[in-house]
Amino acid sequence: MIEINRECILQASAKLKARKGMIDFDTLGRTLSYSPYMPRIKREFFIRTELRNMPKVIHTYSIANSSQHTPLLYACAKENPNKEPHAYMLDLSAQYAQNQDEECMSHLEPISLLRRHSTLPIIHADIFLDVYQVLESALFGADMLFMPIAPLDGKDFKQLLDFARRLELDVFVFIRDKDELKRAIFNGADMLFILQENFSELLSLVPNTQVIATNASDEYGVDVWVRDESDKVNKVKLNLKNL
């Protein structure tokens, strides 16, 4: 799951600044009008109903660099389309933890690459700091966002959330404690992700109008299970290397 610390946030900010230096916000916005991609799902896709008595499943893949792009496609191709998952999540924040020196924009390529090869919805997980990143995500074909609220104050979070919704992108908000839960709900979040270690403590505080995702095995009150499948990519990468 997304690692959030001062160094990762600084790395994310530095890479964002470099991308802005190459393509400004207005130019990027005009490019979006030529994008072939539109979001394919909304919040309602994940709401648990009486007719669907089990949580939906999201498989998460952490992608740190371009060497994992082909293994990602191999791993996803082996998924059973008639069973789980119901969506993919691409965690592109790993590049910050590993300080990967990828070319500007190339870290977003897994989104459009997977979208061309899979019919399943794609959720872009990242350390979002600016509306520029939301625009990038829409341009590269994300169907939904996964946004940690930790690096953001209430005002900045609301700005990102409102802008994402203008682009028809709904947002899972990653919360870790009561303060983050309060900040998320007060500023309009309606989809939450709660880590397994915080799940029992926070679940009782969450309004029942929220869509709730977790990596915990609990079923009560949960709409979505998030399962980390990153090891599959690493195994495929190793197998391809040994061919």
C-alpha atoms as a PDB file:
ATOM      1  CA  MET A   1       0.000   0.000   0.000  1.00  0.00           C
ATOM      2  CA  ILE A   2       1.070   3.597  -0.528  1.00  0.00           C
ATOM      3  CA  GLU A   3       3.982   4.644   1.663  1.00  0.00           C
ATOM      4  CA  ILE A   4       3.549   8.164   2.983  1.00  0.00           C
ATOM      5  CA  ASN A   5       6.511   9.910   4.578  1.00  0.00           C
ATOM      6  CA  ARG A   6       8.303  13.220   4.211  1.00  0.00           C
ATOM      7  CA  GLU A   7      10.865  11.904   1.724  1.00  0.00           C
ATOM      8  CA  CYS A   8       8.220  10.369  -0.544  1.00  0.00           C
ATOM      9  CA  ILE A   9       6.188  13.578  -0.498  1.00  0.00           C
ATOM     10  CA  LEU A  10       9.285  15.613  -1.398  1.00  0.00           C
ATOM     11  CA  GLN A  11      10.066  13.201  -4.247  1.00  0.00           C
ATOM     12  CA  ALA A  12       6.500  13.443  -5.522  1.00  0.00           C
ATOM     13  CA  SER A  13       6.649  17.239  -5.368  1.00  0.00           C
ATOM     14  CA  ALA A  14       9.986  17.384  -7.216  1.00  0.00           C
ATOM     15  CA  LYS A  15       8.793  15.087 -10.010  1.00  0.00           C
ATOM     16  CA  LEU A  16       5.576  17.077 -10.313  1.00  0.00           C
ATOM     17  CA  LYS A  17       7.556  20.313 -10.658  1.00  0.00           C
ATOM     18  CA  ALA A  18       9.656  18.750 -13.443  1.00  0.00           C
ATOM     19  CA  ARG A  19       6.565  17.649 -15.367  1.00  0.00           C
ATOM     20  CA  LYS A  20       4.977  21.074 -15.013  1.00  0.00           C
ATOM     21  CA  GLY A  21       8.162  22.560 -16.440  1.00  0.00           C
ATOM     22  CA  MET A  22       7.719  20.485 -19.590  1.00  0.00           C
ATOM     23  CA  ILE A  23       3.964  20.862 -20.110  1.00  0.00           C
ATOM     24  CA  ASP A  24       1.957  23.557 -18.350  1.00  0.00           C
ATOM     25  CA  PHE A  25      -1.536  23.010 -16.958  1.00  0.00           C
ATOM     26  CA  ASP A  26      -3.384  24.804 -19.765  1.00  0.00           C
ATOM     27  CA  THR A  27      -1.593  22.844 -22.490  1.00  0.00           C
ATOM     28  CA  LEU A  28      -2.263  19.591 -20.660  1.00  0.00           C
ATOM     29  CA  GLY A  29      -5.921  20.536 -20.368  1.00  0.00           C
ATOM     30  CA  ARG A  30      -6.220  21.124 -24.106  1.00  0.00           C
ATOM     31  CA  THR A  31      -4.603  17.730 -24.711  1.00  0.00           C
ATOM     32  CA  LEU A  32      -7.333  16.087 -22.644  1.00  0.00           C
ATOM     33  CA  SER A  33      -9.933  17.028 -25.241  1.00  0.00           C
ATOM     34  CA  TYR A  34      -8.209  14.615 -27.657  1.00  0.00           C
ATOM     35  CA  SER A  35      -8.009  11.743 -25.190  1.00  0.00           C
ATOM     36  CA  PRO A  36      -9.922   8.609 -26.247  1.00  0.00           C
ATOM     37  CA  TYR A  37     -10.528   7.685 -22.611  1.00  0.00           C
ATOM     38  CA  MET A  38     -13.548   8.401 -20.454  1.00  0.00           C
ATOM     39  CA  PRO A  39     -14.113   7.063 -16.919  1.00  0.00           C
ATOM     40  CA  ARG A  40     -16.023   3.779 -17.139  1.00  0.00           C
ATOM     41  CA  ILE A  41     -17.266   3.459 -13.554  1.00  0.00           C
ATOM     42  CA  LYS A  42     -18.769   5.602 -10.833  1.00  0.00           C
ATOM     43  CA  ARG A  43     -19.041   5.258  -7.077  1.00  0.00           C
ATOM     44  CA  GLU A  44     -22.215   3.167  -7.456  1.00  0.00           C
ATOM     45  CA  PHE A  45     -20.194   0.357  -9.047  1.00  0.00           C
ATOM     46  CA  PHE A  46     -18.758  -0.548  -5.634  1.00  0.00           C
ATOM     47  CA  ILE A  47     -21.821  -0.097  -3.421  1.00  0.00           C
ATOM     48  CA  ARG A  48     -22.792  -3.339  -1.736  1.00  0.00           C
ATOM     49  CA  THR A  49     -26.476  -4.202  -2.117  1.00  0.00           C
ATOM     50  CA  GLU A  50     -28.870  -6.928  -0.995  1.00  0.00           C
ATOM     51  CA  LEU A  51     -28.484  -8.551  -4.404  1.00  0.00           C
ATOM     52  CA  ARG A  52     -24.693  -8.573  -4.025  1.00  0.00           C
ATOM     53  CA  ASN A  53     -23.978 -10.027  -0.614  1.00  0.00           C
ATOM     54  CA  MET A  54     -20.170 -10.045  -0.875  1.00  0.00           C
ATOM     55  CA  PRO A  55     -17.701  -7.159  -1.218  1.00  0.00           C
ATOM     56  CA  LYS A  56     -16.222  -6.516  -4.632  1.00  0.00           C
ATOM     57  CA  VAL A  57     -12.501  -7.140  -5.062  1.00  0.00           C
ATOM     58  CA  ILE A  58      -9.740  -4.836  -6.284  1.00  0.00           C
ATOM     59  CA  HIS A  59      -6.318  -6.261  -7.127  1.00  0.00           C
ATOM     60  CA  THR A  60      -3.492  -3.814  -6.456  1.00  0.00           C
ATOM     61  CA  TYR A  61      -0.207  -3.762  -8.340  1.00  0.00           C
ATOM     62  CA  SER A  62       2.661  -1.566  -7.159  1.00  0.00           C
ATOM     63  CA  ILE A  63       4.656  -0.326 -10.168  1.00  0.00           C
ATOM     64  CA  ALA A  64       8.003   1.364  -9.492  1.00  0.00           C
ATOM     65  CA  ASN A  65       9.561   1.551 -12.958  1.00  0.00           C
ATOM     66  CA  SER A  66       9.136   0.719 -16.644  1.00  0.00           C
ATOM     67  CA  SER A  67      10.757  -2.713 -16.280  1.00  0.00           C
ATOM     68  CA  GLN A  68       7.527  -3.862 -14.619  1.00  0.00           C
ATOM     69  CA  HIS A  69       5.177  -2.805 -17.438  1.00  0.00           C
ATOM     70  CA  THR A  70       5.313  -6.045 -19.450  1.00  0.00           C
ATOM     71  CA  PRO A  71       5.170  -8.292 -16.341  1.00  0.00           C
ATOM     72  CA  LEU A  72       2.081  -6.334 -15.268  1.00  0.00           C
ATOM     73  CA  LEU A  73       0.293  -7.246 -18.496  1.00  0.00           C
ATOM     74  CA  TYR A  74       1.296 -10.903 -18.132  1.00  0.00           C
ATOM     75  CA  ALA A  75       0.044 -11.006 -14.539  1.00  0.00           C
ATOM     76  CA  CYS A  76      -3.289  -9.381 -15.412  1.00  0.00           C
ATOM     77  CA  ALA A  77      -3.752 -11.629 -18.450  1.00  0.00           C
ATOM     78  CA  LYS A  78      -3.730 -14.644 -16.127  1.00  0.00           C
ATOM     79  CA  GLU A  79      -6.653 -13.309 -14.076  1.00  0.00           C
ATOM     80  CA  ASN A  80      -9.948 -15.177 -14.479  1.00  0.00           C
ATOM     81  CA  PRO A  81     -12.346 -12.661 -16.095  1.00  0.00           C
ATOM     82  CA  ASN A  82     -15.363 -14.564 -14.772  1.00  0.00           C
ATOM     83  CA  LYS A  83     -14.289 -14.281 -11.138  1.00  0.00           C
ATOM     84  CA  GLU A  84     -12.344 -11.626  -9.262  1.00  0.00           C
ATOM     85  CA  PRO A  85     -11.036  -9.011  -9.514  1.00  0.00           C
ATOM     86  CA  HIS A  86     -13.698  -6.460 -10.384  1.00  0.00           C
ATOM     87  CA  ALA A  87     -11.100  -3.719 -10.891  1.00  0.00           C
ATOM     88  CA  TYR A  88      -7.358  -3.080 -10.876  1.00  0.00           C
ATOM     89  CA  MET A  89      -5.513  -0.540  -8.784  1.00  0.00           C
ATOM     90  CA  LEU A  90      -2.130   0.686 -10.006  1.00  0.00           C
ATOM     91  CA  ASP A  91      -0.069   2.099  -7.147  1.00  0.00           C
ATOM     92  CA  LEU A  92       2.422   4.381  -8.876  1.00  0.00           C
ATOM     93  CA  SER A  93       3.786   5.870  -5.658  1.00  0.00           C
ATOM     94  CA  ALA A  94       6.460   3.168  -5.362  1.00  0.00           C
ATOM     95  CA  GLN A  95       8.731   5.261  -7.569  1.00  0.00           C
ATOM     96  CA  TYR A  96       9.005   7.829  -4.779  1.00  0.00           C
ATOM     97  CA  ALA A  97       9.991   5.302  -2.114  1.00  0.00           C
ATOM     98  CA  GLN A  98      12.656   3.833  -4.409  1.00  0.00           C
ATOM     99  CA  ASN A  99      13.659   7.207  -5.858  1.00  0.00           C
ATOM    100  CA  GLN A 100      13.227   5.938  -9.403  1.00  0.00           C
ATOM    101  CA  ASP A 101      14.584   8.296 -12.051  1.00  0.00           C
ATOM    102  CA  GLU A 102      11.940   7.755 -14.725  1.00  0.00           C
ATOM    103  CA  GLU A 103      11.376  10.199 -17.554  1.00  0.00           C
ATOM    104  CA  CYS A 104       8.630  12.769 -17.031  1.00  0.00           C
ATOM    105  CA  MET A 105       5.159  11.347 -17.705  1.00  0.00           C
ATOM    106  CA  SER A 106       6.470   7.794 -18.268  1.00  0.00           C
ATOM    107  CA  HIS A 107       5.431   6.742 -14.771  1.00  0.00           C
ATOM    108  CA  LEU A 108       1.795   7.108 -15.885  1.00  0.00           C
ATOM    109  CA  GLU A 109       2.141   4.851 -18.910  1.00  0.00           C
ATOM    110  CA  PRO A 110       1.024   1.685 -17.043  1.00  0.00           C
ATOM    111  CA  ILE A 111      -2.467   3.208 -16.826  1.00  0.00           C
ATOM    112  CA  SER A 112      -2.965   3.625 -20.577  1.00  0.00           C
ATOM    113  CA  LEU A 113      -1.045   0.411 -21.286  1.00  0.00           C
ATOM    114  CA  LEU A 114      -3.316  -1.674 -19.078  1.00  0.00           C
ATOM    115  CA  ARG A 115      -6.422   0.109 -20.331  1.00  0.00           C
ATOM    116  CA  ARG A 116      -5.589  -0.947 -23.899  1.00  0.00           C
ATOM    117  CA  HIS A 117      -5.263  -4.579 -22.834  1.00  0.00           C
ATOM    118  CA  SER A 118      -7.991  -5.010 -20.207  1.00  0.00           C
ATOM    119  CA  THR A 119     -11.689  -4.275 -19.958  1.00  0.00           C
ATOM    120  CA  LEU A 120     -11.570  -3.982 -16.163  1.00  0.00           C
ATOM    121  CA  PRO A 121     -11.710  -0.526 -14.556  1.00  0.00           C
ATOM    122  CA  ILE A 122      -8.395   0.998 -13.457  1.00  0.00           C
ATOM    123  CA  ILE A 123      -7.892   2.963 -10.243  1.00  0.00           C
ATOM    124  CA  HIS A 124      -4.841   5.226 -10.104  1.00  0.00           C
ATOM    125  CA  ALA A 125      -3.247   5.296  -6.638  1.00  0.00           C
ATOM    126  CA  ASP A 126      -0.648   7.976  -6.009  1.00  0.00           C
ATOM    127  CA  ILE A 127       0.481  10.778  -3.727  1.00  0.00           C
ATOM    128  CA  PHE A 128      -1.718  13.529  -5.143  1.00  0.00           C
ATOM    129  CA  LEU A 129      -0.582  17.057  -4.307  1.00  0.00           C
ATOM    130  CA  ASP A 130      -1.977  19.168  -7.142  1.00  0.00           C
ATOM    131  CA  VAL A 131      -4.878  19.264  -9.616  1.00  0.00           C
ATOM    132  CA  TYR A 132      -2.256  18.858 -12.352  1.00  0.00           C
ATOM    133  CA  GLN A 133      -1.855  15.218 -11.305  1.00  0.00           C
ATOM    134  CA  VAL A 134      -5.601  14.643 -11.460  1.00  0.00           C
ATOM    135  CA  LEU A 135      -5.619  16.012 -15.003  1.00  0.00           C
ATOM    136  CA  GLU A 136      -2.720  13.710 -15.915  1.00  0.00           C
ATOM    137  CA  SER A 137      -4.597  10.735 -14.531  1.00  0.00           C
ATOM    138  CA  ALA A 138      -7.666  11.502 -16.633  1.00  0.00           C
ATOM    139  CA  LEU A 139      -5.492  11.989 -19.716  1.00  0.00           C
ATOM    140  CA  PHE A 140      -3.807   8.603 -19.329  1.00  0.00           C
ATOM    141  CA  GLY A 141      -7.100   6.756 -18.875  1.00  0.00           C
ATOM    142  CA  ALA A 142      -7.746   6.209 -15.171  1.00  0.00           C
ATOM    143  CA  ASP A 143     -11.341   5.357 -14.251  1.00  0.00           C
ATOM    144  CA  MET A 144     -11.063   6.361 -10.604  1.00  0.00           C
ATOM    145  CA  LEU A 145      -8.494   7.724  -8.128  1.00  0.00           C
ATOM    146  CA  PHE A 146      -7.083   6.504  -4.819  1.00  0.00           C
ATOM    147  CA  MET A 147      -5.869   9.514  -2.830  1.00  0.00           C
ATOM    148  CA  PRO A 148      -4.153   9.574   0.576  1.00  0.00           C
ATOM    149  CA  ILE A 149      -5.376  12.568   2.542  1.00  0.00           C
ATOM    150  CA  ALA A 150      -2.289  12.645   4.801  1.00  0.00           C
ATOM    151  CA  PRO A 151      -0.195  15.136   2.734  1.00  0.00           C
ATOM    152  CA  LEU A 152      -3.131  17.527   2.277  1.00  0.00           C
ATOM    153  CA  ASP A 153      -4.887  20.053   4.454  1.00  0.00           C
ATOM    154  CA  GLY A 154      -8.665  20.306   4.205  1.00  0.00           C
ATOM    155  CA  LYS A 155      -8.678  23.120   1.652  1.00  0.00           C
ATOM    156  CA  ASP A 156      -6.208  21.450  -0.720  1.00  0.00           C
ATOM    157  CA  PHE A 157      -7.965  18.103  -0.422  1.00  0.00           C
ATOM    158  CA  LYS A 158     -11.338  19.624  -1.246  1.00  0.00           C
ATOM    159  CA  GLN A 159      -9.843  21.371  -4.278  1.00  0.00           C
ATOM    160  CA  LEU A 160      -8.453  18.089  -5.614  1.00  0.00           C
ATOM    161  CA  LEU A 161     -11.669  16.201  -4.859  1.00  0.00           C
ATOM    162  CA  ASP A 162     -13.866  18.806  -6.554  1.00  0.00           C
ATOM    163  CA  PHE A 163     -11.601  18.950  -9.601  1.00  0.00           C
ATOM    164  CA  ALA A 164     -11.573  15.152  -9.922  1.00  0.00           C
ATOM    165  CA  ARG A 165     -15.370  15.108  -9.877  1.00  0.00           C
ATOM    166  CA  ARG A 166     -15.469  17.782 -12.572  1.00  0.00           C
ATOM    167  CA  LEU A 167     -13.533  15.301 -14.715  1.00  0.00           C
ATOM    168  CA  GLU A 168     -16.022  12.531 -13.772  1.00  0.00           C
ATOM    169  CA  LEU A 169     -13.419  10.781 -11.598  1.00  0.00           C
ATOM    170  CA  ASP A 170     -14.641   9.479  -8.242  1.00  0.00           C
ATOM    171  CA  VAL A 171     -12.089   9.131  -5.452  1.00  0.00           C
ATOM    172  CA  PHE A 172     -11.252   6.559  -2.786  1.00  0.00           C
ATOM    173  CA  VAL A 173      -9.726   8.532   0.101  1.00  0.00           C
ATOM    174  CA  PHE A 174      -7.060   6.742   2.137  1.00  0.00           C
ATOM    175  CA  ILE A 175      -7.394   7.545   5.856  1.00  0.00           C
ATOM    176  CA  ARG A 176      -5.243   6.325   8.757  1.00  0.00           C
ATOM    177  CA  ASP A 177      -6.696   7.875  11.909  1.00  0.00           C
ATOM    178  CA  LYS A 178      -9.613   9.817  13.385  1.00  0.00           C
ATOM    179  CA  ASP A 179      -8.247  13.213  12.367  1.00  0.00           C
ATOM    180  CA  GLU A 180      -7.882  12.141   8.734  1.00  0.00           C
ATOM    181  CA  LEU A 181     -11.359  10.591   8.811  1.00  0.00           C
ATOM    182  CA  LYS A 182     -12.842  13.839  10.088  1.00  0.00           C
ATOM    183  CA  ARG A 183     -10.951  15.906   7.502  1.00  0.00           C
ATOM    184  CA  ALA A 184     -12.044  13.619   4.677  1.00  0.00           C
ATOM    185  CA  ILE A 185     -15.746  13.564   5.569  1.00  0.00           C
ATOM    186  CA  PHE A 186     -15.939  17.271   6.414  1.00  0.00           C
ATOM    187  CA  ASN A 187     -14.576  18.113   2.961  1.00  0.00           C
ATOM    188  CA  GLY A 188     -16.887  15.876   0.968  1.00  0.00           C
ATOM    189  CA  ALA A 189     -15.325  12.414   0.713  1.00  0.00           C
ATOM    190  CA  ASP A 190     -17.852   9.639   0.079  1.00  0.00           C
ATOM    191  CA  MET A 191     -15.496   6.689  -0.541  1.00  0.00           C
ATOM    192  CA  LEU A 192     -12.961   5.654   2.100  1.00  0.00           C
ATOM    193  CA  PHE A 193     -10.104   3.173   2.328  1.00  0.00           C
ATOM    194  CA  ILE A 194      -9.167   2.019   5.840  1.00  0.00           C
ATOM    195  CA  LEU A 195      -6.031  -0.006   6.546  1.00  0.00           C
ATOM    196  CA  GLN A 196      -6.389  -3.362   8.268  1.00  0.00           C
ATOM    197  CA  GLU A 197      -4.556  -2.187  11.398  1.00  0.00           C
ATOM    198  CA  ASN A 198      -6.949   0.764  11.843  1.00  0.00           C
ATOM    199  CA  PHE A 199     -10.125  -0.901  10.620  1.00  0.00           C
ATOM    200  CA  SER A 200     -11.746  -1.944  13.909  1.00  0.00           C
ATOM    201  CA  GLU A 201     -11.056   1.429  15.518  1.00  0.00           C
ATOM    202  CA  LEU A 202     -12.371   3.575  12.662  1.00  0.00           C
ATOM    203  CA  LEU A 203     -15.260   1.577  11.198  1.00  0.00           C
ATOM    204  CA  SER A 204     -17.708   2.508  13.965  1.00  0.00           C
ATOM    205  CA  LEU A 205     -17.014   6.211  13.316  1.00  0.00           C
ATOM    206  CA  VAL A 206     -17.769   6.074   9.595  1.00  0.00           C
ATOM    207  CA  PRO A 207     -21.255   7.178   8.436  1.00  0.00           C
ATOM    208  CA  ASN A 208     -23.166   4.389   6.695  1.00  0.00           C
ATOM    209  CA  THR A 209     -23.452   6.552   3.571  1.00  0.00           C
ATOM    210  CA  GLN A 210     -19.770   5.953   2.828  1.00  0.00           C
ATOM    211  CA  VAL A 211     -18.430   3.327   0.433  1.00  0.00           C
ATOM    212  CA  ILE A 212     -15.828   1.473   2.492  1.00  0.00           C
ATOM    213  CA  ALA A 213     -12.786  -0.350   1.139  1.00  0.00           C
ATOM    214  CA  THR A 214     -10.150  -2.157   3.190  1.00  0.00           C
ATOM    215  CA  ASN A 215      -7.340  -4.674   2.983  1.00  0.00           C
ATOM    216  CA  ALA A 216      -8.719  -6.362   6.102  1.00  0.00           C
ATOM    217  CA  SER A 217     -10.494  -9.704   5.792  1.00  0.00           C
ATOM    218  CA  ASP A 218     -13.589  -8.384   7.583  1.00  0.00           C
ATOM    219  CA  GLU A 219     -16.857  -8.545   5.689  1.00  0.00           C
ATOM    220  CA  TYR A 220     -19.136  -6.557   8.008  1.00  0.00           C
ATOM    221  CA  GLY A 221     -19.712  -3.027   6.721  1.00  0.00           C
ATOM    222  CA  VAL A 222     -17.294  -3.487   3.829  1.00  0.00           C
ATOM    223  CA  ASP A 223     -18.090  -2.758   0.185  1.00  0.00           C
ATOM    224  CA  VAL A 224     -14.677  -3.513  -1.309  1.00  0.00           C
ATOM    225  CA  TRP A 225     -11.742  -5.777  -0.495  1.00  0.00           C
ATOM    226  CA  VAL A 226      -8.360  -4.525  -1.700  1.00  0.00           C
ATOM    227  CA  ARG A 227      -5.752  -7.246  -2.226  1.00  0.00           C
ATOM    228  CA  ASP A 228      -2.094  -6.615  -2.981  1.00  0.00           C
ATOM    229  CA  GLU A 229      -0.986  -8.763  -5.917  1.00  0.00           C
ATOM    230  CA  SER A 230       2.365  -7.031  -6.557  1.00  0.00           C
ATOM    231  CA  ASP A 231       4.300 -10.259  -5.972  1.00  0.00           C
ATOM    232  CA  LYS A 232       2.747 -11.665  -9.162  1.00  0.00           C
ATOM    233  CA  VAL A 233       4.426  -8.922 -11.202  1.00  0.00           C
ATOM    234  CA  ASN A 234       7.788  -9.592  -9.554  1.00  0.00           C
ATOM    235  CA  LYS A 235       7.494 -13.340 -10.208  1.00  0.00           C
ATOM    236  CA  VAL A 236       6.606 -12.799 -13.877  1.00  0.00           C
ATOM    237  CA  LYS A 237       9.508 -10.361 -14.215  1.00  0.00           C
ATOM    238  CA  LEU A 238      11.892 -12.973 -12.805  1.00  0.00           C
ATOM    239  CA  ASN A 239      10.515 -15.704 -15.088  1.00  0.00           C
ATOM    240  CA  LEU A 240      10.888 -13.505 -18.177  1.00  0.00           C
ATOM    241  CA  LYS A 241      14.438 -12.665 -17.168  1.00  0.00           C
ATOM    242  CA  ASN A 242      15.293 -16.380 -16.920  1.00  0.00           C
ATOM    243  CA  LEU A 243      13.949 -17.247 -20.385  1.00  0.00           C
END
